[in-house]
Amino acid sequence: MILLAKIGVSIDVSFQNGVRVEIIKLAIDKLANSMRMYSEVCAGFDKLKLIDKEEAIDNLDRAFEAKLEAFHSLYDVSKSEFEYFNNADTSLLILLRNAIHHRDHTLFHSWNYEMFHNNGLERNSGAAFLMASHIVNDGAYTSRYFYKLDDILDRIDDSRKSPYLENKMGVKNRKKLLQQVNEKLYFHSVTSQATSERYPSKQIYINIVPIFISAMSKVFCCFKDKGVDFSRFDSDVYVKHFSKVMDVDFKDIDFKQVRLP
């Protein structure tokens, strides 16, 4: 056993089944490929939105959702090798993927979608929104992809009496994840900040990208230290990048106000 002290993950560095290693490699290849495609969509977003806002937003949303799907594929084939539900970041990504994949509700539309579809800008004219983003590597630029905090809490907080509770999780597991996001991702700090500044809960948004970065760092470090050989271009590039020190300080949150005209 070795301990990754920086991110607090204890792992067994040996595989017992060579076939499983190949399956995990394929899943990581898919995940890395989806991450590259998301980056490419991000790079072209500003140009495309000048031509067709709806297409630009939909492309970005589908690209982000593809990353969640690919992450879940990796979880499916490697859950015996990594304790996904012992970590707040990886647990939350699985929750998001399941919610979006099954889509038996109206939750989890991106900030862009909310504002630019169905006259969102006009309906929210004059409203102020609190945009919360965890700091990565002491403030290095991080892309932004926001979901409403209410949507996350409506899936796991029984006290809200939401019709959208994640019923595939039992009460115990919902309570565990709620505690994880509040104590490990410091969502309680976000809600406290919003309350102190009198933001309505529906106007609080969380940047999911730093949480995704933290999760990738944990998972990629795990399989790199297990000796998995990443031979394809995308997986080689992204595993090298995310297995470096990616310091996401969840206690350090950047709050910005966005007020619509």
C-alpha atoms as a PDB file:
ATOM      1  CA  MET A   1       0.000   0.000   0.000  1.00  0.00           C
ATOM      2  CA  ILE A   2       1.106   3.592  -0.583  1.00  0.00           C
ATOM      3  CA  LEU A   3      -0.432   6.832   0.610  1.00  0.00           C
ATOM      4  CA  LEU A   4      -0.962   9.839  -1.641  1.00  0.00           C
ATOM      5  CA  ALA A   5      -0.632  12.361   1.177  1.00  0.00           C
ATOM      6  CA  LYS A   6      -1.534  15.387  -0.934  1.00  0.00           C
ATOM      7  CA  ILE A   7      -4.987  14.139  -1.773  1.00  0.00           C
ATOM      8  CA  GLY A   8      -5.505  11.628   1.012  1.00  0.00           C
ATOM      9  CA  VAL A   9      -6.008   8.489  -1.050  1.00  0.00           C
ATOM     10  CA  SER A  10      -4.760   5.094   0.071  1.00  0.00           C
ATOM     11  CA  ILE A  11      -4.376   2.596  -2.761  1.00  0.00           C
ATOM     12  CA  ASP A  12      -3.179  -0.910  -3.520  1.00  0.00           C
ATOM     13  CA  VAL A  13      -0.639  -0.653  -6.347  1.00  0.00           C
ATOM     14  CA  SER A  14      -1.144  -4.121  -7.789  1.00  0.00           C
ATOM     15  CA  PHE A  15      -3.728  -5.487 -10.198  1.00  0.00           C
ATOM     16  CA  GLN A  16      -4.820  -9.094 -10.076  1.00  0.00           C
ATOM     17  CA  ASN A  17      -6.413  -9.247 -13.506  1.00  0.00           C
ATOM     18  CA  GLY A  18      -4.685  -8.098 -16.700  1.00  0.00           C
ATOM     19  CA  VAL A  19      -7.960  -8.015 -18.637  1.00  0.00           C
ATOM     20  CA  ARG A  20      -9.412  -5.569 -16.129  1.00  0.00           C
ATOM     21  CA  VAL A  21      -6.374  -3.331 -16.601  1.00  0.00           C
ATOM     22  CA  GLU A  22      -7.096  -3.135 -20.337  1.00  0.00           C
ATOM     23  CA  ILE A  23     -10.756  -2.361 -19.695  1.00  0.00           C
ATOM     24  CA  ILE A  24      -9.797   0.447 -17.300  1.00  0.00           C
ATOM     25  CA  LYS A  25      -7.312   1.795 -19.869  1.00  0.00           C
ATOM     26  CA  LEU A  26     -10.070   1.934 -22.478  1.00  0.00           C
ATOM     27  CA  ALA A  27     -12.326   3.805 -20.046  1.00  0.00           C
ATOM     28  CA  ILE A  28      -9.569   6.309 -19.253  1.00  0.00           C
ATOM     29  CA  ASP A  29      -8.910   6.767 -22.976  1.00  0.00           C
ATOM     30  CA  LYS A  30     -12.595   7.599 -23.441  1.00  0.00           C
ATOM     31  CA  LEU A  31     -12.563  10.019 -20.515  1.00  0.00           C
ATOM     32  CA  ALA A  32      -9.412  11.793 -21.696  1.00  0.00           C
ATOM     33  CA  ASN A  33     -10.826  12.027 -25.217  1.00  0.00           C
ATOM     34  CA  SER A  34     -14.029  13.609 -23.886  1.00  0.00           C
ATOM     35  CA  MET A  35     -11.945  16.123 -21.919  1.00  0.00           C
ATOM     36  CA  ARG A  36     -10.069  17.149 -25.061  1.00  0.00           C
ATOM     37  CA  MET A  37     -13.290  17.544 -27.023  1.00  0.00           C
ATOM     38  CA  TYR A  38     -14.752  19.685 -24.235  1.00  0.00           C
ATOM     39  CA  SER A  39     -11.659  21.910 -24.364  1.00  0.00           C
ATOM     40  CA  GLU A  40     -12.058  22.279 -28.120  1.00  0.00           C
ATOM     41  CA  VAL A  41     -15.730  23.240 -27.756  1.00  0.00           C
ATOM     42  CA  CYS A  42     -14.760  25.787 -25.071  1.00  0.00           C
ATOM     43  CA  ALA A  43     -12.131  27.270 -27.381  1.00  0.00           C
ATOM     44  CA  GLY A  44     -14.675  27.829 -30.143  1.00  0.00           C
ATOM     45  CA  PHE A  45     -17.539  28.959 -27.913  1.00  0.00           C
ATOM     46  CA  ASP A  46     -17.042  32.744 -28.077  1.00  0.00           C
ATOM     47  CA  LYS A  47     -16.761  32.734 -31.860  1.00  0.00           C
ATOM     48  CA  LEU A  48     -19.749  30.453 -32.415  1.00  0.00           C
ATOM     49  CA  LYS A  49     -22.046  32.344 -30.034  1.00  0.00           C
ATOM     50  CA  LEU A  50     -21.755  35.403 -32.276  1.00  0.00           C
ATOM     51  CA  ILE A  51     -23.267  33.337 -35.076  1.00  0.00           C
ATOM     52  CA  ASP A  52     -25.652  31.005 -33.235  1.00  0.00           C
ATOM     53  CA  LYS A  53     -26.022  31.277 -29.448  1.00  0.00           C
ATOM     54  CA  GLU A  54     -28.273  28.252 -29.160  1.00  0.00           C
ATOM     55  CA  GLU A  55     -25.840  25.988 -30.982  1.00  0.00           C
ATOM     56  CA  ALA A  56     -22.884  27.310 -29.002  1.00  0.00           C
ATOM     57  CA  ILE A  57     -24.618  26.683 -25.673  1.00  0.00           C
ATOM     58  CA  ASP A  58     -25.997  23.276 -26.631  1.00  0.00           C
ATOM     59  CA  ASN A  59     -22.598  22.147 -27.915  1.00  0.00           C
ATOM     60  CA  LEU A  60     -20.940  23.167 -24.655  1.00  0.00           C
ATOM     61  CA  ASP A  61     -23.610  21.481 -22.540  1.00  0.00           C
ATOM     62  CA  ARG A  62     -23.410  18.220 -24.482  1.00  0.00           C
ATOM     63  CA  ALA A  63     -19.591  18.285 -24.288  1.00  0.00           C
ATOM     64  CA  PHE A  64     -19.661  18.720 -20.513  1.00  0.00           C
ATOM     65  CA  GLU A  65     -22.260  16.003 -20.110  1.00  0.00           C
ATOM     66  CA  ALA A  66     -20.081  13.706 -22.241  1.00  0.00           C
ATOM     67  CA  LYS A  67     -17.291  14.138 -19.681  1.00  0.00           C
ATOM     68  CA  LEU A  68     -19.659  13.066 -16.908  1.00  0.00           C
ATOM     69  CA  GLU A  69     -20.755  10.047 -18.951  1.00  0.00           C
ATOM     70  CA  ALA A  70     -17.155   9.034 -19.621  1.00  0.00           C
ATOM     71  CA  PHE A  71     -16.299   9.448 -15.938  1.00  0.00           C
ATOM     72  CA  HIS A  72     -19.190   7.187 -15.025  1.00  0.00           C
ATOM     73  CA  SER A  73     -17.972   4.593 -17.531  1.00  0.00           C
ATOM     74  CA  LEU A  74     -14.626   4.600 -15.720  1.00  0.00           C
ATOM     75  CA  TYR A  75     -16.426   4.258 -12.384  1.00  0.00           C
ATOM     76  CA  ASP A  76     -18.404   1.279 -13.722  1.00  0.00           C
ATOM     77  CA  VAL A  77     -15.268  -0.708 -14.551  1.00  0.00           C
ATOM     78  CA  SER A  78     -12.978   0.435 -11.717  1.00  0.00           C
ATOM     79  CA  LYS A  79     -15.182   0.764  -8.629  1.00  0.00           C
ATOM     80  CA  SER A  80     -13.289  -2.126  -7.012  1.00  0.00           C
ATOM     81  CA  GLU A  81      -9.998  -0.245  -7.475  1.00  0.00           C
ATOM     82  CA  PHE A  82     -10.961   3.202  -6.192  1.00  0.00           C
ATOM     83  CA  GLU A  83     -13.333   4.271  -3.401  1.00  0.00           C
ATOM     84  CA  TYR A  84     -15.410   6.740  -5.402  1.00  0.00           C
ATOM     85  CA  PHE A  85     -18.035   7.217  -2.697  1.00  0.00           C
ATOM     86  CA  ASN A  86     -15.449   7.994  -0.018  1.00  0.00           C
ATOM     87  CA  ASN A  87     -14.632  11.251  -1.794  1.00  0.00           C
ATOM     88  CA  ALA A  88     -16.984  14.216  -2.048  1.00  0.00           C
ATOM     89  CA  ASP A  89     -15.801  15.278  -5.510  1.00  0.00           C
ATOM     90  CA  THR A  90     -16.088  11.886  -7.215  1.00  0.00           C
ATOM     91  CA  SER A  91     -19.384  11.161  -5.432  1.00  0.00           C
ATOM     92  CA  LEU A  92     -20.857  14.435  -6.652  1.00  0.00           C
ATOM     93  CA  LEU A  93     -19.822  13.788 -10.253  1.00  0.00           C
ATOM     94  CA  ILE A  94     -21.596  10.429 -10.169  1.00  0.00           C
ATOM     95  CA  LEU A  95     -24.707  12.099  -8.749  1.00  0.00           C
ATOM     96  CA  LEU A  96     -24.648  14.720 -11.504  1.00  0.00           C
ATOM     97  CA  ARG A  97     -24.166  12.145 -14.238  1.00  0.00           C
ATOM     98  CA  ASN A  98     -27.006   9.990 -12.992  1.00  0.00           C
ATOM     99  CA  ALA A  99     -29.348  12.951 -12.689  1.00  0.00           C
ATOM    100  CA  ILE A 100     -28.591  14.161 -16.210  1.00  0.00           C
ATOM    101  CA  HIS A 101     -28.495  10.687 -17.751  1.00  0.00           C
ATOM    102  CA  HIS A 102     -31.919   9.650 -16.435  1.00  0.00           C
ATOM    103  CA  ARG A 103     -33.409  13.177 -16.687  1.00  0.00           C
ATOM    104  CA  ASP A 104     -36.653  12.422 -14.823  1.00  0.00           C
ATOM    105  CA  HIS A 105     -36.813  16.031 -13.638  1.00  0.00           C
ATOM    106  CA  THR A 106     -36.211  19.580 -14.867  1.00  0.00           C
ATOM    107  CA  LEU A 107     -32.983  20.169 -12.905  1.00  0.00           C
ATOM    108  CA  PHE A 108     -29.355  20.647 -13.993  1.00  0.00           C
ATOM    109  CA  HIS A 109     -29.396  23.108 -16.795  1.00  0.00           C
ATOM    110  CA  SER A 110     -26.244  25.171 -17.123  1.00  0.00           C
ATOM    111  CA  TRP A 111     -26.114  28.882 -16.356  1.00  0.00           C
ATOM    112  CA  ASN A 112     -25.845  29.599 -20.090  1.00  0.00           C
ATOM    113  CA  TYR A 113     -28.926  27.512 -20.822  1.00  0.00           C
ATOM    114  CA  GLU A 114     -30.925  29.132 -18.025  1.00  0.00           C
ATOM    115  CA  MET A 115     -30.069  32.640 -19.182  1.00  0.00           C
ATOM    116  CA  PHE A 116     -30.356  32.277 -22.954  1.00  0.00           C
ATOM    117  CA  HIS A 117     -33.237  29.832 -23.373  1.00  0.00           C
ATOM    118  CA  ASN A 118     -36.874  30.627 -22.708  1.00  0.00           C
ATOM    119  CA  ASN A 119     -36.204  34.365 -22.304  1.00  0.00           C
ATOM    120  CA  GLY A 120     -34.084  33.797 -19.194  1.00  0.00           C
ATOM    121  CA  LEU A 121     -32.305  37.130 -19.453  1.00  0.00           C
ATOM    122  CA  GLU A 122     -35.578  39.011 -19.738  1.00  0.00           C
ATOM    123  CA  ARG A 123     -37.290  37.052 -16.948  1.00  0.00           C
ATOM    124  CA  ASN A 124     -34.360  37.693 -14.589  1.00  0.00           C
ATOM    125  CA  SER A 125     -33.744  41.302 -15.565  1.00  0.00           C
ATOM    126  CA  GLY A 126     -32.298  43.225 -12.615  1.00  0.00           C
ATOM    127  CA  ALA A 127     -31.593  40.091 -10.548  1.00  0.00           C
ATOM    128  CA  ALA A 128     -28.223  39.506  -8.889  1.00  0.00           C
ATOM    129  CA  PHE A 129     -26.658  36.031  -8.895  1.00  0.00           C
ATOM    130  CA  LEU A 130     -23.926  34.663  -6.644  1.00  0.00           C
ATOM    131  CA  MET A 131     -21.374  32.664  -8.637  1.00  0.00           C
ATOM    132  CA  ALA A 132     -19.125  30.492  -6.439  1.00  0.00           C
ATOM    133  CA  SER A 133     -15.919  28.891  -7.710  1.00  0.00           C
ATOM    134  CA  HIS A 134     -13.284  26.993  -5.719  1.00  0.00           C
ATOM    135  CA  ILE A 135      -9.721  28.227  -6.183  1.00  0.00           C
ATOM    136  CA  VAL A 136      -7.357  25.981  -8.192  1.00  0.00           C
ATOM    137  CA  ASN A 137      -3.558  26.261  -7.891  1.00  0.00           C
ATOM    138  CA  ASP A 138      -3.644  29.576  -5.994  1.00  0.00           C
ATOM    139  CA  GLY A 139      -5.882  31.278  -8.514  1.00  0.00           C
ATOM    140  CA  ALA A 140      -4.675  29.922 -11.855  1.00  0.00           C
ATOM    141  CA  TYR A 141      -7.266  30.437 -14.596  1.00  0.00           C
ATOM    142  CA  THR A 142      -9.965  27.791 -14.504  1.00  0.00           C
ATOM    143  CA  SER A 143     -12.796  27.431 -16.972  1.00  0.00           C
ATOM    144  CA  ARG A 144     -16.311  27.886 -15.670  1.00  0.00           C
ATOM    145  CA  TYR A 145     -19.369  25.686 -15.944  1.00  0.00           C
ATOM    146  CA  PHE A 146     -22.104  26.496 -13.459  1.00  0.00           C
ATOM    147  CA  TYR A 147     -25.034  24.528 -12.092  1.00  0.00           C
ATOM    148  CA  LYS A 148     -27.593  25.865  -9.629  1.00  0.00           C
ATOM    149  CA  LEU A 149     -26.815  24.872  -6.028  1.00  0.00           C
ATOM    150  CA  ASP A 150     -30.535  24.297  -5.420  1.00  0.00           C
ATOM    151  CA  ASP A 151     -30.509  21.546  -8.047  1.00  0.00           C
ATOM    152  CA  ILE A 152     -27.793  19.624  -6.217  1.00  0.00           C
ATOM    153  CA  LEU A 153     -29.446  20.005  -2.819  1.00  0.00           C
ATOM    154  CA  ASP A 154     -32.862  19.032  -4.186  1.00  0.00           C
ATOM    155  CA  ARG A 155     -31.392  15.618  -5.055  1.00  0.00           C
ATOM    156  CA  ILE A 156     -29.824  14.819  -1.665  1.00  0.00           C
ATOM    157  CA  ASP A 157     -31.299  16.974   1.120  1.00  0.00           C
ATOM    158  CA  ASP A 158     -34.394  15.228   2.479  1.00  0.00           C
ATOM    159  CA  SER A 159     -35.277  18.240   4.630  1.00  0.00           C
ATOM    160  CA  ARG A 160     -36.129  20.238   1.503  1.00  0.00           C
ATOM    161  CA  LYS A 161     -39.036  17.878   0.738  1.00  0.00           C
ATOM    162  CA  SER A 162     -38.120  18.071  -2.939  1.00  0.00           C
ATOM    163  CA  PRO A 163     -40.043  15.930  -5.446  1.00  0.00           C
ATOM    164  CA  TYR A 164     -36.694  15.462  -7.194  1.00  0.00           C
ATOM    165  CA  LEU A 165     -34.862  13.497  -4.475  1.00  0.00           C
ATOM    166  CA  GLU A 166     -32.460  10.901  -5.861  1.00  0.00           C
ATOM    167  CA  ASN A 167     -34.560   7.838  -5.073  1.00  0.00           C
ATOM    168  CA  LYS A 168     -31.926   5.416  -6.332  1.00  0.00           C
ATOM    169  CA  MET A 169     -29.957   6.393  -3.218  1.00  0.00           C
ATOM    170  CA  GLY A 170     -31.265   5.479   0.211  1.00  0.00           C
ATOM    171  CA  VAL A 171     -31.733   8.025   2.996  1.00  0.00           C
ATOM    172  CA  LYS A 172     -28.398   7.026   4.548  1.00  0.00           C
ATOM    173  CA  ASN A 173     -26.441   7.578   1.325  1.00  0.00           C
ATOM    174  CA  ARG A 174     -28.169  10.872   0.570  1.00  0.00           C
ATOM    175  CA  LYS A 175     -27.328  12.068   4.067  1.00  0.00           C
ATOM    176  CA  LYS A 176     -23.717  10.954   3.615  1.00  0.00           C
ATOM    177  CA  LEU A 177     -23.323  12.848   0.344  1.00  0.00           C
ATOM    178  CA  LEU A 178     -24.984  15.954   1.772  1.00  0.00           C
ATOM    179  CA  GLN A 179     -22.517  15.878   4.638  1.00  0.00           C
ATOM    180  CA  GLN A 180     -19.617  15.366   2.219  1.00  0.00           C
ATOM    181  CA  VAL A 181     -20.479  18.327  -0.020  1.00  0.00           C
ATOM    182  CA  ASN A 182     -21.072  20.580   2.974  1.00  0.00           C
ATOM    183  CA  GLU A 183     -17.971  19.588   4.936  1.00  0.00           C
ATOM    184  CA  LYS A 184     -15.476  18.647   2.195  1.00  0.00           C
ATOM    185  CA  LEU A 185     -16.561  20.912  -0.674  1.00  0.00           C
ATOM    186  CA  TYR A 186     -17.646  23.657   1.740  1.00  0.00           C
ATOM    187  CA  PHE A 187     -21.062  24.126   0.224  1.00  0.00           C
ATOM    188  CA  HIS A 188     -22.150  25.283   3.672  1.00  0.00           C
ATOM    189  CA  SER A 189     -19.783  28.253   3.228  1.00  0.00           C
ATOM    190  CA  VAL A 190     -21.505  29.089  -0.048  1.00  0.00           C
ATOM    191  CA  THR A 191     -24.952  29.006   1.512  1.00  0.00           C
ATOM    192  CA  SER A 192     -23.717  31.086   4.467  1.00  0.00           C
ATOM    193  CA  GLN A 193     -22.267  33.691   2.112  1.00  0.00           C
ATOM    194  CA  ALA A 194     -25.489  33.794   0.126  1.00  0.00           C
ATOM    195  CA  THR A 195     -27.616  34.142   3.262  1.00  0.00           C
ATOM    196  CA  SER A 196     -25.449  36.953   4.626  1.00  0.00           C
ATOM    197  CA  GLU A 197     -25.839  38.849   1.336  1.00  0.00           C
ATOM    198  CA  ARG A 198     -29.543  37.986   1.000  1.00  0.00           C
ATOM    199  CA  TYR A 199     -29.403  36.066  -2.250  1.00  0.00           C
ATOM    200  CA  PRO A 200     -32.452  33.899  -2.968  1.00  0.00           C
ATOM    201  CA  SER A 201     -31.383  30.260  -3.077  1.00  0.00           C
ATOM    202  CA  LYS A 202     -32.419  29.959  -6.726  1.00  0.00           C
ATOM    203  CA  GLN A 203     -29.778  32.599  -7.581  1.00  0.00           C
ATOM    204  CA  ILE A 204     -26.747  30.676  -6.256  1.00  0.00           C
ATOM    205  CA  TYR A 205     -24.553  28.845  -8.768  1.00  0.00           C
ATOM    206  CA  ILE A 206     -21.553  26.516  -8.284  1.00  0.00           C
ATOM    207  CA  ASN A 207     -18.686  26.143 -10.747  1.00  0.00           C
ATOM    208  CA  ILE A 208     -18.354  22.389 -11.316  1.00  0.00           C
ATOM    209  CA  VAL A 209     -14.983  22.584 -13.116  1.00  0.00           C
ATOM    210  CA  PRO A 210     -12.751  22.810  -9.985  1.00  0.00           C
ATOM    211  CA  ILE A 211     -14.618  19.847  -8.507  1.00  0.00           C
ATOM    212  CA  PHE A 212     -14.060  17.912 -11.735  1.00  0.00           C
ATOM    213  CA  ILE A 213     -10.354  18.837 -11.668  1.00  0.00           C
ATOM    214  CA  SER A 214      -9.995  17.563  -8.100  1.00  0.00           C
ATOM    215  CA  ALA A 215     -11.730  14.303  -8.976  1.00  0.00           C
ATOM    216  CA  MET A 216      -9.534  13.740 -12.037  1.00  0.00           C
ATOM    217  CA  SER A 217      -6.410  14.371 -10.002  1.00  0.00           C
ATOM    218  CA  LYS A 218      -7.394  11.728  -7.448  1.00  0.00           C
ATOM    219  CA  VAL A 219      -8.451   9.102  -9.981  1.00  0.00           C
ATOM    220  CA  PHE A 220      -5.611   9.582 -12.468  1.00  0.00           C
ATOM    221  CA  CYS A 221      -3.013   9.551  -9.684  1.00  0.00           C
ATOM    222  CA  CYS A 222      -4.516   6.325  -8.415  1.00  0.00           C
ATOM    223  CA  PHE A 223      -4.177   4.475 -11.723  1.00  0.00           C
ATOM    224  CA  LYS A 224      -0.828   5.993 -12.612  1.00  0.00           C
ATOM    225  CA  ASP A 225       0.560   4.754  -9.298  1.00  0.00           C
ATOM    226  CA  LYS A 226      -0.939   1.347  -9.968  1.00  0.00           C
ATOM    227  CA  GLY A 227       1.351   1.172 -13.014  1.00  0.00           C
ATOM    228  CA  VAL A 228      -1.290   1.516 -15.720  1.00  0.00           C
ATOM    229  CA  ASP A 229       0.415   2.352 -19.028  1.00  0.00           C
ATOM    230  CA  PHE A 230      -1.258   5.217 -20.864  1.00  0.00           C
ATOM    231  CA  SER A 231      -0.128   4.865 -24.451  1.00  0.00           C
ATOM    232  CA  ARG A 232      -2.747   6.827 -26.403  1.00  0.00           C
ATOM    233  CA  PHE A 233      -2.163  10.519 -26.957  1.00  0.00           C
ATOM    234  CA  ASP A 234      -5.149  11.985 -25.079  1.00  0.00           C
ATOM    235  CA  SER A 235      -4.801   9.751 -22.037  1.00  0.00           C
ATOM    236  CA  ASP A 236      -1.031  10.311 -21.895  1.00  0.00           C
ATOM    237  CA  VAL A 237      -1.464  14.106 -22.001  1.00  0.00           C
ATOM    238  CA  TYR A 238      -4.339  14.366 -19.539  1.00  0.00           C
ATOM    239  CA  VAL A 239      -3.057  11.806 -17.053  1.00  0.00           C
ATOM    240  CA  LYS A 240       0.330  13.565 -16.966  1.00  0.00           C
ATOM    241  CA  HIS A 241      -1.362  16.919 -16.462  1.00  0.00           C
ATOM    242  CA  PHE A 242      -3.814  15.867 -13.785  1.00  0.00           C
ATOM    243  CA  SER A 243      -1.399  13.615 -11.904  1.00  0.00           C
ATOM    244  CA  LYS A 244       0.759  16.650 -11.200  1.00  0.00           C
ATOM    245  CA  VAL A 245      -0.089  18.574  -8.060  1.00  0.00           C
ATOM    246  CA  MET A 246      -3.534  20.041  -8.749  1.00  0.00           C
ATOM    247  CA  ASP A 247      -4.229  21.962  -5.574  1.00  0.00           C
ATOM    248  CA  VAL A 248      -7.938  22.629  -5.224  1.00  0.00           C
ATOM    249  CA  ASP A 249      -8.464  24.388  -1.904  1.00  0.00           C
ATOM    250  CA  PHE A 250     -12.129  23.835  -1.225  1.00  0.00           C
ATOM    251  CA  LYS A 251     -12.010  26.209   1.736  1.00  0.00           C
ATOM    252  CA  ASP A 252     -10.913  29.003  -0.601  1.00  0.00           C
ATOM    253  CA  ILE A 253     -13.904  30.093  -2.659  1.00  0.00           C
ATOM    254  CA  ASP A 254     -14.098  32.965  -5.112  1.00  0.00           C
ATOM    255  CA  PHE A 255     -17.464  34.716  -4.969  1.00  0.00           C
ATOM    256  CA  LYS A 256     -18.593  36.949  -7.786  1.00  0.00           C
ATOM    257  CA  GLN A 257     -21.837  38.769  -8.312  1.00  0.00           C
ATOM    258  CA  VAL A 258     -23.469  38.799 -11.713  1.00  0.00           C
ATOM    259  CA  ARG A 259     -26.263  41.359 -11.983  1.00  0.00           C
ATOM    260  CA  LEU A 260     -28.381  41.222 -15.099  1.00  0.00           C
ATOM    261  CA  PRO A 261     -29.353  44.450 -16.841  1.00  0.00           C
END
